[in-house]
Amino acid sequence: SQWGKFKTATQMVMICLMAIFCQMSVAQTIQEPGKNGEIYVITGDSFETLPKETGSFKTSAGLTSLIPSAALKVVKSYIKIGGAHAKVRYNPAAGEPIKFIVRVDDVENPEEYINLIKLDEKKKERRILMAKSSLLGGTESATWETVPFECEKYGEYSYLITTQLEAGEYAFMLSELQEEGNINMQFRCIGID
């Protein structure tokens, strides 16, 4: 009957609305971080703080061929973060979005300020390639792989970041917290298994 179909459809809508409300209330039970630049990864109805890790500039030179010539030398500049893996690991279910709460005081455009970067993995460190140069080829600035995310206001000073991440090493870099000309840079890192 029509009434039975209407009643079933109404019940389905109510169940969906309750599920959305429950999901929103779980996320809102976690207080926003207490300090500017602090980041939480949300794991179910709890969270874990991503610790600060320091990156430093490093330059390496290699030859592009076996001919020993300074003109063929390629110099790479990159930021290195010590250790092959982040201290905080997360293993989301397949297809599950990953959520972070990022505290950033007095920011008008959080999408421009918050950078989530995929890191190159090496045996003893993680890297972000900044530039390559050679005497013959000039200098080429590298563009590191930033990860797209959705961003919405969370509390008074924070933002809820939602994204999909494949297995690998990642770092948050907050633009204004990096001082101009600063050799040591602060990152908040996470590893996805």
N, C-alpha and C. Protein backbone atom coordinates (compact mmCIF):
# COMPACT_ATOMS: atom_id res chain seq x y z
N SER A 1 0.82 -1.19 0.00
CA SER A 1 0.00 0.00 0.00
C SER A 1 0.87 1.26 0.00
N GLN A 2 0.27 2.34 -0.38
CA GLN A 2 0.98 3.63 -0.42
C GLN A 2 1.45 4.03 0.97
N TRP A 3 0.58 3.82 1.98
CA TRP A 3 0.94 4.20 3.35
C TRP A 3 2.16 3.41 3.82
N GLY A 4 2.22 2.13 3.49
CA GLY A 4 3.36 1.29 3.88
C GLY A 4 4.66 1.77 3.25
N LYS A 5 4.60 2.13 1.96
CA LYS A 5 5.80 2.64 1.28
C LYS A 5 6.24 3.97 1.87
N PHE A 6 5.26 4.85 2.16
CA PHE A 6 5.58 6.15 2.74
C PHE A 6 6.20 5.97 4.13
N LYS A 7 5.63 5.06 4.91
CA LYS A 7 6.12 4.81 6.26
C LYS A 7 7.56 4.26 6.21
N THR A 8 7.83 3.33 5.28
CA THR A 8 9.17 2.76 5.13
C THR A 8 10.17 3.84 4.69
N ALA A 9 9.79 4.67 3.74
CA ALA A 9 10.66 5.74 3.27
C ALA A 9 10.95 6.74 4.40
N THR A 10 9.94 7.07 5.18
CA THR A 10 10.12 7.99 6.31
C THR A 10 11.07 7.39 7.33
N GLN A 11 10.94 6.10 7.60
CA GLN A 11 11.84 5.44 8.55
C GLN A 11 13.29 5.46 8.04
N MET A 12 13.46 5.24 6.74
CA MET A 12 14.81 5.24 6.16
C MET A 12 15.44 6.63 6.28
N VAL A 13 14.68 7.67 6.02
CA VAL A 13 15.18 9.03 6.14
C VAL A 13 15.57 9.32 7.59
N MET A 14 14.75 8.90 8.53
CA MET A 14 15.04 9.12 9.95
C MET A 14 16.31 8.38 10.37
N ILE A 15 16.50 7.17 9.90
CA ILE A 15 17.70 6.39 10.23
C ILE A 15 18.94 7.09 9.68
N CYS A 16 18.86 7.58 8.44
CA CYS A 16 19.99 8.30 7.83
C CYS A 16 20.31 9.57 8.61
N LEU A 17 19.29 10.33 8.99
CA LEU A 17 19.52 11.56 9.76
C LEU A 17 20.13 11.26 11.12
N MET A 18 19.69 10.18 11.76
CA MET A 18 20.26 9.80 13.07
C MET A 18 21.72 9.40 12.92
N ALA A 19 22.05 8.68 11.86
CA ALA A 19 23.44 8.26 11.63
C ALA A 19 24.33 9.48 11.41
N ILE A 20 23.85 10.45 10.62
CA ILE A 20 24.63 11.67 10.38
C ILE A 20 24.80 12.45 11.68
N PHE A 21 23.73 12.57 12.48
CA PHE A 21 23.80 13.29 13.75
C PHE A 21 24.79 12.61 14.70
N CYS A 22 24.76 11.28 14.77
CA CYS A 22 25.67 10.55 15.65
C CYS A 22 27.12 10.75 15.22
N GLN A 23 27.38 10.71 13.92
CA GLN A 23 28.73 10.91 13.41
C GLN A 23 29.22 12.32 13.73
N MET A 24 28.36 13.33 13.56
CA MET A 24 28.75 14.70 13.86
C MET A 24 28.98 14.87 15.36
N SER A 25 28.17 14.26 16.19
CA SER A 25 28.33 14.45 17.63
C SER A 25 29.59 13.78 18.13
N VAL A 26 30.00 12.64 17.53
CA VAL A 26 31.26 11.99 17.93
C VAL A 26 32.42 12.91 17.61
N ALA A 27 32.43 13.49 16.41
CA ALA A 27 33.53 14.38 16.02
C ALA A 27 33.57 15.60 16.93
N GLN A 28 32.43 16.16 17.31
CA GLN A 28 32.40 17.36 18.13
C GLN A 28 32.72 17.09 19.59
N THR A 29 32.78 15.83 20.04
CA THR A 29 33.13 15.54 21.43
C THR A 29 34.62 15.72 21.66
N ILE A 30 35.43 15.73 20.63
CA ILE A 30 36.87 15.94 20.77
C ILE A 30 37.11 17.44 20.79
N GLN A 31 37.72 17.92 21.87
CA GLN A 31 38.02 19.34 21.97
C GLN A 31 39.10 19.71 20.97
N GLU A 32 39.06 20.97 20.55
CA GLU A 32 40.09 21.42 19.61
C GLU A 32 41.44 21.48 20.33
N PRO A 33 42.55 21.34 19.57
CA PRO A 33 43.88 21.40 20.19
C PRO A 33 44.09 22.71 20.95
N GLY A 34 44.95 22.65 21.96
CA GLY A 34 45.16 23.81 22.83
C GLY A 34 46.16 24.82 22.32
N LYS A 35 47.06 24.42 21.40
CA LYS A 35 48.13 25.32 20.95
C LYS A 35 48.10 25.51 19.44
N ASN A 36 48.46 26.70 19.00
CA ASN A 36 48.56 26.99 17.58
C ASN A 36 49.56 26.03 16.92
N GLY A 37 49.16 25.42 15.80
CA GLY A 37 50.02 24.48 15.08
C GLY A 37 49.87 23.04 15.52
N GLU A 38 49.11 22.79 16.58
CA GLU A 38 48.92 21.41 17.06
C GLU A 38 47.91 20.69 16.16
N ILE A 39 48.16 19.39 15.93
CA ILE A 39 47.31 18.61 15.01
C ILE A 39 46.95 17.28 15.65
N TYR A 40 45.67 16.92 15.59
CA TYR A 40 45.19 15.61 16.04
C TYR A 40 44.77 14.78 14.83
N VAL A 41 45.05 13.48 14.87
CA VAL A 41 44.43 12.55 13.94
C VAL A 41 43.30 11.89 14.72
N ILE A 42 42.11 11.85 14.13
CA ILE A 42 40.95 11.27 14.80
C ILE A 42 40.91 9.78 14.49
N THR A 43 40.87 8.98 15.54
CA THR A 43 40.81 7.52 15.40
C THR A 43 39.56 7.04 16.12
N GLY A 44 38.47 6.92 15.37
CA GLY A 44 37.19 6.54 15.97
C GLY A 44 36.65 7.69 16.80
N ASP A 45 36.44 7.45 18.10
CA ASP A 45 35.93 8.52 18.97
C ASP A 45 37.04 9.08 19.87
N SER A 46 38.30 8.80 19.54
CA SER A 46 39.42 9.37 20.27
C SER A 46 40.39 10.02 19.27
N PHE A 47 41.54 10.46 19.76
CA PHE A 47 42.50 11.13 18.88
C PHE A 47 43.91 10.87 19.36
N GLU A 48 44.86 11.16 18.49
CA GLU A 48 46.27 11.09 18.83
C GLU A 48 46.94 12.36 18.29
N THR A 49 47.79 12.97 19.10
CA THR A 49 48.49 14.18 18.70
C THR A 49 49.68 13.83 17.81
N LEU A 50 49.81 14.53 16.69
CA LEU A 50 50.98 14.35 15.83
C LEU A 50 52.13 15.15 16.43
N PRO A 51 53.24 14.50 16.77
CA PRO A 51 54.36 15.23 17.39
C PRO A 51 55.10 16.09 16.37
N LYS A 52 55.78 17.12 16.87
CA LYS A 52 56.62 17.96 16.01
C LYS A 52 57.84 17.17 15.60
N GLU A 53 58.20 17.31 14.34
CA GLU A 53 59.45 16.73 13.84
C GLU A 53 60.15 17.84 13.07
N THR A 54 61.46 17.89 13.23
CA THR A 54 62.25 18.96 12.60
C THR A 54 62.83 18.49 11.28
N GLY A 55 62.69 19.33 10.27
CA GLY A 55 63.30 19.06 8.98
C GLY A 55 64.47 20.02 8.79
N SER A 56 65.46 19.59 8.05
CA SER A 56 66.60 20.46 7.77
C SER A 56 66.97 20.35 6.30
N PHE A 57 67.57 21.42 5.78
CA PHE A 57 67.97 21.44 4.38
C PHE A 57 69.20 20.58 4.17
N LYS A 58 69.23 19.89 3.05
CA LYS A 58 70.37 19.06 2.70
C LYS A 58 70.57 19.16 1.19
N THR A 59 71.82 19.09 0.77
CA THR A 59 72.15 19.13 -0.65
C THR A 59 73.00 17.92 -0.98
N SER A 60 72.70 17.28 -2.11
CA SER A 60 73.52 16.14 -2.55
C SER A 60 73.85 16.34 -4.01
N ALA A 61 75.01 15.83 -4.41
CA ALA A 61 75.45 15.95 -5.80
C ALA A 61 75.70 14.55 -6.35
N GLY A 62 75.30 14.33 -7.59
CA GLY A 62 75.54 13.06 -8.26
C GLY A 62 75.82 13.32 -9.72
N LEU A 63 76.43 12.37 -10.38
CA LEU A 63 76.74 12.54 -11.80
C LEU A 63 75.61 11.95 -12.63
N THR A 64 75.31 12.61 -13.73
CA THR A 64 74.27 12.10 -14.61
C THR A 64 74.81 11.04 -15.56
N SER A 65 76.13 10.92 -15.67
CA SER A 65 76.72 9.87 -16.50
C SER A 65 78.05 9.47 -15.89
N LEU A 66 78.73 8.56 -16.51
CA LEU A 66 80.02 8.10 -16.00
C LEU A 66 81.16 9.05 -16.36
N ILE A 67 80.90 10.06 -17.18
CA ILE A 67 81.93 11.02 -17.57
C ILE A 67 82.16 11.98 -16.40
N PRO A 68 83.38 12.01 -15.84
CA PRO A 68 83.63 12.87 -14.67
C PRO A 68 83.77 14.33 -15.09
N SER A 69 82.69 15.02 -15.18
CA SER A 69 82.71 16.41 -15.59
C SER A 69 81.81 17.22 -14.66
N ALA A 70 82.31 18.34 -14.18
CA ALA A 70 81.52 19.20 -13.30
C ALA A 70 80.27 19.72 -14.00
N ALA A 71 80.33 19.85 -15.33
CA ALA A 71 79.19 20.38 -16.07
C ALA A 71 78.00 19.42 -16.05
N LEU A 72 78.27 18.13 -15.84
CA LEU A 72 77.19 17.15 -15.84
C LEU A 72 76.67 16.84 -14.43
N LYS A 73 77.27 17.44 -13.44
CA LYS A 73 76.87 17.18 -12.07
C LYS A 73 75.47 17.74 -11.80
N VAL A 74 74.63 16.93 -11.17
CA VAL A 74 73.29 17.36 -10.79
C VAL A 74 73.28 17.54 -9.28
N VAL A 75 72.86 18.70 -8.84
CA VAL A 75 72.79 18.99 -7.41
C VAL A 75 71.31 19.05 -7.03
N LYS A 76 70.95 18.30 -5.99
CA LYS A 76 69.57 18.28 -5.51
C LYS A 76 69.54 18.88 -4.11
N SER A 77 68.59 19.76 -3.89
CA SER A 77 68.36 20.34 -2.56
C SER A 77 67.01 19.84 -2.07
N TYR A 78 67.01 19.39 -0.85
CA TYR A 78 65.76 18.89 -0.29
C TYR A 78 65.73 19.10 1.21
N ILE A 79 64.53 18.98 1.76
CA ILE A 79 64.35 19.01 3.20
C ILE A 79 64.30 17.56 3.65
N LYS A 80 65.08 17.23 4.66
CA LYS A 80 65.06 15.86 5.17
C LYS A 80 64.49 15.87 6.58
N ILE A 81 63.72 14.84 6.88
CA ILE A 81 63.17 14.61 8.20
C ILE A 81 63.73 13.28 8.67
N GLY A 82 64.41 13.29 9.82
CA GLY A 82 65.10 12.10 10.31
C GLY A 82 64.16 10.93 10.58
N GLY A 83 64.66 9.73 10.34
CA GLY A 83 63.89 8.51 10.57
C GLY A 83 63.13 8.10 9.33
N ALA A 84 63.09 6.80 9.09
CA ALA A 84 62.42 6.30 7.90
C ALA A 84 60.90 6.39 7.99
N HIS A 85 60.37 6.42 9.22
CA HIS A 85 58.92 6.39 9.41
C HIS A 85 58.48 7.37 10.49
N ALA A 86 57.27 7.88 10.36
CA ALA A 86 56.68 8.75 11.37
C ALA A 86 56.42 7.95 12.65
N LYS A 87 56.45 8.64 13.78
CA LYS A 87 56.18 8.00 15.07
C LYS A 87 54.72 7.59 15.20
N VAL A 88 53.83 8.38 14.62
CA VAL A 88 52.39 8.07 14.67
C VAL A 88 52.02 7.33 13.40
N ARG A 89 51.41 6.15 13.57
CA ARG A 89 50.98 5.31 12.44
C ARG A 89 49.46 5.18 12.51
N TYR A 90 48.85 5.07 11.34
CA TYR A 90 47.40 4.88 11.28
C TYR A 90 47.10 3.92 10.15
N ASN A 91 46.21 3.00 10.41
CA ASN A 91 45.84 1.99 9.42
C ASN A 91 44.32 2.03 9.23
N PRO A 92 43.85 2.93 8.37
CA PRO A 92 42.40 3.05 8.17
C PRO A 92 41.84 1.87 7.38
N ALA A 93 40.56 1.62 7.56
CA ALA A 93 39.88 0.61 6.76
C ALA A 93 39.87 1.08 5.31
N ALA A 94 39.81 0.15 4.37
CA ALA A 94 39.82 0.48 2.94
C ALA A 94 38.71 1.49 2.63
N GLY A 95 39.10 2.58 1.97
CA GLY A 95 38.13 3.59 1.57
C GLY A 95 37.71 4.55 2.67
N GLU A 96 38.17 4.33 3.90
CA GLU A 96 37.79 5.19 5.02
C GLU A 96 38.51 6.54 4.92
N PRO A 97 37.77 7.64 5.00
CA PRO A 97 38.45 8.95 5.00
C PRO A 97 39.19 9.13 6.32
N ILE A 98 40.28 9.87 6.27
CA ILE A 98 41.08 10.16 7.45
C ILE A 98 40.79 11.59 7.86
N LYS A 99 40.60 11.80 9.17
CA LYS A 99 40.23 13.13 9.67
C LYS A 99 41.28 13.64 10.64
N PHE A 100 41.57 14.93 10.50
CA PHE A 100 42.52 15.61 11.38
C PHE A 100 41.86 16.87 11.91
N ILE A 101 42.23 17.28 13.11
CA ILE A 101 41.84 18.60 13.62
C ILE A 101 43.13 19.41 13.71
N VAL A 102 43.14 20.53 13.00
CA VAL A 102 44.33 21.37 12.91
C VAL A 102 44.03 22.73 13.55
N ARG A 103 44.81 23.10 14.56
CA ARG A 103 44.62 24.41 15.21
C ARG A 103 45.49 25.44 14.51
N VAL A 104 44.85 26.47 13.99
CA VAL A 104 45.55 27.58 13.34
C VAL A 104 44.86 28.88 13.75
N ASP A 105 45.52 29.67 14.54
CA ASP A 105 44.94 30.93 15.03
C ASP A 105 44.97 32.00 13.95
N ASP A 106 43.89 32.75 13.84
CA ASP A 106 43.81 33.93 12.98
C ASP A 106 44.21 33.69 11.54
N VAL A 107 43.57 32.72 10.90
CA VAL A 107 43.85 32.41 9.50
C VAL A 107 42.58 32.64 8.68
N GLU A 108 42.72 33.40 7.59
CA GLU A 108 41.57 33.68 6.74
C GLU A 108 41.33 32.59 5.71
N ASN A 109 42.40 32.03 5.13
CA ASN A 109 42.28 31.01 4.09
C ASN A 109 43.02 29.74 4.53
N PRO A 110 42.38 28.88 5.28
CA PRO A 110 43.08 27.69 5.79
C PRO A 110 43.60 26.77 4.69
N GLU A 111 42.93 26.72 3.54
CA GLU A 111 43.37 25.85 2.45
C GLU A 111 44.73 26.30 1.90
N GLU A 112 45.04 27.59 1.99
CA GLU A 112 46.34 28.09 1.53
C GLU A 112 47.40 27.97 2.62
N TYR A 113 46.97 27.93 3.85
CA TYR A 113 47.87 27.93 5.01
C TYR A 113 48.30 26.51 5.41
N ILE A 114 47.38 25.56 5.31
CA ILE A 114 47.64 24.18 5.72
C ILE A 114 48.08 23.37 4.51
N ASN A 115 49.27 22.79 4.58
CA ASN A 115 49.80 21.96 3.50
C ASN A 115 49.99 20.54 4.01
N LEU A 116 49.42 19.58 3.32
CA LEU A 116 49.63 18.16 3.61
C LEU A 116 50.45 17.62 2.45
N ILE A 117 51.67 17.15 2.75
CA ILE A 117 52.63 16.80 1.71
C ILE A 117 52.98 15.32 1.79
N LYS A 118 53.00 14.66 0.63
CA LYS A 118 53.47 13.27 0.56
C LYS A 118 54.99 13.31 0.51
N LEU A 119 55.63 12.53 1.38
CA LEU A 119 57.09 12.53 1.48
C LEU A 119 57.70 11.40 0.66
N ASP A 120 58.92 11.65 0.16
CA ASP A 120 59.70 10.59 -0.48
C ASP A 120 60.33 9.77 0.64
N GLU A 121 60.22 8.46 0.55
CA GLU A 121 60.74 7.58 1.60
C GLU A 121 62.11 7.05 1.22
N LYS A 122 63.06 7.19 2.13
CA LYS A 122 64.42 6.65 1.99
C LYS A 122 64.67 5.73 3.18
N LYS A 123 65.81 5.03 3.18
CA LYS A 123 66.09 4.06 4.24
C LYS A 123 66.14 4.68 5.63
N LYS A 124 66.76 5.85 5.77
CA LYS A 124 66.95 6.44 7.09
C LYS A 124 66.27 7.79 7.27
N GLU A 125 65.55 8.25 6.25
CA GLU A 125 64.94 9.57 6.34
C GLU A 125 63.78 9.69 5.36
N ARG A 126 63.01 10.74 5.57
CA ARG A 126 61.94 11.11 4.64
C ARG A 126 62.33 12.46 4.05
N ARG A 127 61.97 12.70 2.77
CA ARG A 127 62.45 13.89 2.08
C ARG A 127 61.35 14.61 1.31
N ILE A 128 61.61 15.92 1.13
CA ILE A 128 60.82 16.75 0.23
C ILE A 128 61.82 17.40 -0.72
N LEU A 129 61.77 17.07 -2.00
CA LEU A 129 62.68 17.64 -2.99
C LEU A 129 62.29 19.10 -3.24
N MET A 130 63.29 20.01 -3.10
CA MET A 130 63.03 21.43 -3.27
C MET A 130 63.48 21.94 -4.65
N ALA A 131 64.67 21.49 -5.11
CA ALA A 131 65.19 21.98 -6.39
C ALA A 131 66.26 21.05 -6.92
N LYS A 132 66.44 21.07 -8.25
CA LYS A 132 67.52 20.35 -8.94
C LYS A 132 68.24 21.38 -9.79
N SER A 133 69.56 21.26 -9.84
CA SER A 133 70.29 22.18 -10.71
C SER A 133 71.54 21.51 -11.26
N SER A 134 71.98 22.00 -12.42
CA SER A 134 73.24 21.57 -13.02
C SER A 134 73.81 22.76 -13.77
N LEU A 135 75.09 22.71 -14.04
CA LEU A 135 75.75 23.82 -14.72
C LEU A 135 75.16 24.03 -16.11
N LEU A 136 74.86 22.93 -16.81
CA LEU A 136 74.31 23.04 -18.17
C LEU A 136 72.80 23.25 -18.19
N GLY A 137 72.12 22.68 -17.21
CA GLY A 137 70.66 22.70 -17.26
C GLY A 137 70.01 23.80 -16.45
N GLY A 138 70.76 24.56 -15.69
CA GLY A 138 70.17 25.60 -14.86
C GLY A 138 69.51 25.01 -13.63
N THR A 139 68.65 25.78 -13.00
CA THR A 139 67.97 25.35 -11.78
C THR A 139 66.50 25.12 -12.07
N GLU A 140 65.99 24.05 -11.52
CA GLU A 140 64.59 23.69 -11.69
C GLU A 140 63.98 23.51 -10.32
N SER A 141 62.99 24.33 -9.98
CA SER A 141 62.31 24.18 -8.70
C SER A 141 61.41 22.97 -8.75
N ALA A 142 61.42 22.22 -7.67
CA ALA A 142 60.57 21.04 -7.60
C ALA A 142 59.20 21.44 -7.06
N THR A 143 58.19 20.73 -7.48
CA THR A 143 56.87 20.92 -6.90
C THR A 143 56.54 19.64 -6.15
N TRP A 144 56.49 19.74 -4.84
CA TRP A 144 56.19 18.55 -4.07
C TRP A 144 54.72 18.21 -4.17
N GLU A 145 54.42 16.97 -3.87
CA GLU A 145 53.06 16.47 -4.02
C GLU A 145 52.23 16.85 -2.80
N THR A 146 51.32 17.81 -2.98
CA THR A 146 50.40 18.15 -1.90
C THR A 146 49.15 17.31 -2.06
N VAL A 147 48.56 16.98 -0.94
CA VAL A 147 47.39 16.11 -0.92
C VAL A 147 46.14 16.97 -0.80
N PRO A 148 45.16 16.79 -1.68
CA PRO A 148 43.91 17.56 -1.57
C PRO A 148 43.11 17.11 -0.34
N PHE A 149 42.36 18.04 0.23
CA PHE A 149 41.54 17.73 1.40
C PHE A 149 40.34 18.66 1.46
N GLU A 150 39.35 18.24 2.24
CA GLU A 150 38.20 19.09 2.53
C GLU A 150 38.46 19.73 3.88
N CYS A 151 38.02 20.97 4.03
CA CYS A 151 38.32 21.74 5.23
C CYS A 151 37.05 22.43 5.72
N GLU A 152 36.73 22.25 7.01
CA GLU A 152 35.60 22.96 7.59
C GLU A 152 35.95 23.43 8.99
N LYS A 153 35.36 24.52 9.39
CA LYS A 153 35.62 25.12 10.71
C LYS A 153 35.28 24.12 11.81
N TYR A 154 36.13 24.08 12.84
CA TYR A 154 35.92 23.17 13.97
C TYR A 154 36.27 23.93 15.24
N GLY A 155 35.30 24.24 16.05
CA GLY A 155 35.56 25.01 17.26
C GLY A 155 35.87 26.46 16.93
N GLU A 156 36.61 27.12 17.83
CA GLU A 156 36.90 28.55 17.67
C GLU A 156 38.11 28.82 16.78
N TYR A 157 39.18 27.99 16.91
CA TYR A 157 40.43 28.28 16.21
C TYR A 157 40.90 27.16 15.27
N SER A 158 40.13 26.11 15.14
CA SER A 158 40.62 24.93 14.43
C SER A 158 39.79 24.61 13.19
N TYR A 159 40.34 23.66 12.41
CA TYR A 159 39.67 23.18 11.21
C TYR A 159 39.68 21.67 11.18
N LEU A 160 38.59 21.09 10.70
CA LEU A 160 38.49 19.64 10.51
C LEU A 160 38.91 19.36 9.07
N ILE A 161 39.98 18.59 8.92
CA ILE A 161 40.53 18.24 7.61
C ILE A 161 40.12 16.80 7.32
N THR A 162 39.51 16.55 6.18
CA THR A 162 39.12 15.20 5.77
C THR A 162 39.76 14.90 4.42
N THR A 163 40.41 13.73 4.33
CA THR A 163 41.10 13.36 3.10
C THR A 163 41.19 11.85 2.97
N GLN A 164 41.57 11.39 1.81
CA GLN A 164 41.88 9.98 1.55
C GLN A 164 43.39 9.88 1.36
N LEU A 165 44.04 8.98 2.06
CA LEU A 165 45.49 8.81 1.93
C LEU A 165 45.82 7.36 1.61
N GLU A 166 46.72 7.17 0.65
CA GLU A 166 47.20 5.82 0.37
C GLU A 166 48.37 5.54 1.31
N ALA A 167 48.83 4.31 1.36
CA ALA A 167 49.94 3.95 2.24
C ALA A 167 51.15 4.82 1.91
N GLY A 168 51.84 5.28 2.95
CA GLY A 168 53.03 6.10 2.76
C GLY A 168 53.27 7.03 3.93
N GLU A 169 54.20 7.95 3.74
CA GLU A 169 54.60 8.92 4.77
C GLU A 169 54.12 10.30 4.36
N TYR A 170 53.57 11.05 5.31
CA TYR A 170 53.00 12.37 5.05
C TYR A 170 53.43 13.36 6.12
N ALA A 171 53.43 14.64 5.77
CA ALA A 171 53.77 15.69 6.73
C ALA A 171 52.86 16.89 6.52
N PHE A 172 52.38 17.45 7.64
CA PHE A 172 51.69 18.73 7.61
C PHE A 172 52.73 19.82 7.78
N MET A 173 52.64 20.85 6.95
CA MET A 173 53.48 22.03 7.08
C MET A 173 52.53 23.22 7.07
N LEU A 174 52.59 24.02 8.13
CA LEU A 174 51.73 25.19 8.24
C LEU A 174 52.53 26.41 7.80
N SER A 175 52.10 27.04 6.72
CA SER A 175 52.88 28.08 6.03
C SER A 175 53.39 29.20 6.92
N GLU A 176 52.52 29.86 7.68
CA GLU A 176 52.95 31.03 8.45
C GLU A 176 53.84 30.66 9.62
N LEU A 177 53.84 29.39 10.04
CA LEU A 177 54.70 28.99 11.14
C LEU A 177 56.14 28.81 10.68
N GLN A 178 56.35 28.78 9.36
CA GLN A 178 57.71 28.66 8.83
C GLN A 178 58.26 30.06 8.63
N GLU A 179 59.29 30.40 9.37
CA GLU A 179 59.87 31.73 9.28
C GLU A 179 60.72 31.83 8.01
N GLU A 180 60.73 33.00 7.42
CA GLU A 180 61.51 33.26 6.21
C GLU A 180 62.99 32.99 6.50
N GLY A 181 63.64 32.17 5.70
CA GLY A 181 65.05 31.88 5.85
C GLY A 181 65.38 30.91 6.97
N ASN A 182 64.37 30.30 7.59
CA ASN A 182 64.61 29.37 8.68
C ASN A 182 65.18 28.06 8.14
N ILE A 183 66.32 27.62 8.65
CA ILE A 183 66.95 26.39 8.16
C ILE A 183 66.26 25.15 8.71
N ASN A 184 65.88 25.18 9.98
CA ASN A 184 65.15 24.06 10.56
C ASN A 184 63.65 24.36 10.50
N MET A 185 62.88 23.44 9.95
CA MET A 185 61.46 23.65 9.78
C MET A 185 60.70 22.61 10.59
N GLN A 186 59.52 22.98 11.11
CA GLN A 186 58.71 22.09 11.92
C GLN A 186 57.62 21.43 11.07
N PHE A 187 57.49 20.14 11.25
CA PHE A 187 56.45 19.36 10.56
C PHE A 187 55.69 18.53 11.59
N ARG A 188 54.50 18.14 11.24
CA ARG A 188 53.70 17.18 12.01
C ARG A 188 53.47 16.01 11.06
N CYS A 189 54.07 14.85 11.39
CA CYS A 189 54.10 13.72 10.45
C CYS A 189 53.20 12.58 10.88
N ILE A 190 52.74 11.82 9.87
CA ILE A 190 51.95 10.61 10.10
C ILE A 190 52.31 9.60 9.01
N GLY A 191 52.30 8.34 9.40
CA GLY A 191 52.51 7.27 8.45
C GLY A 191 51.22 6.48 8.28
N ILE A 192 50.88 6.17 7.05
CA ILE A 192 49.66 5.39 6.76
C ILE A 192 50.10 4.00 6.32
N ASP A 193 49.59 2.98 7.03
CA ASP A 193 49.95 1.59 6.73
C ASP A 193 48.90 0.92 5.87
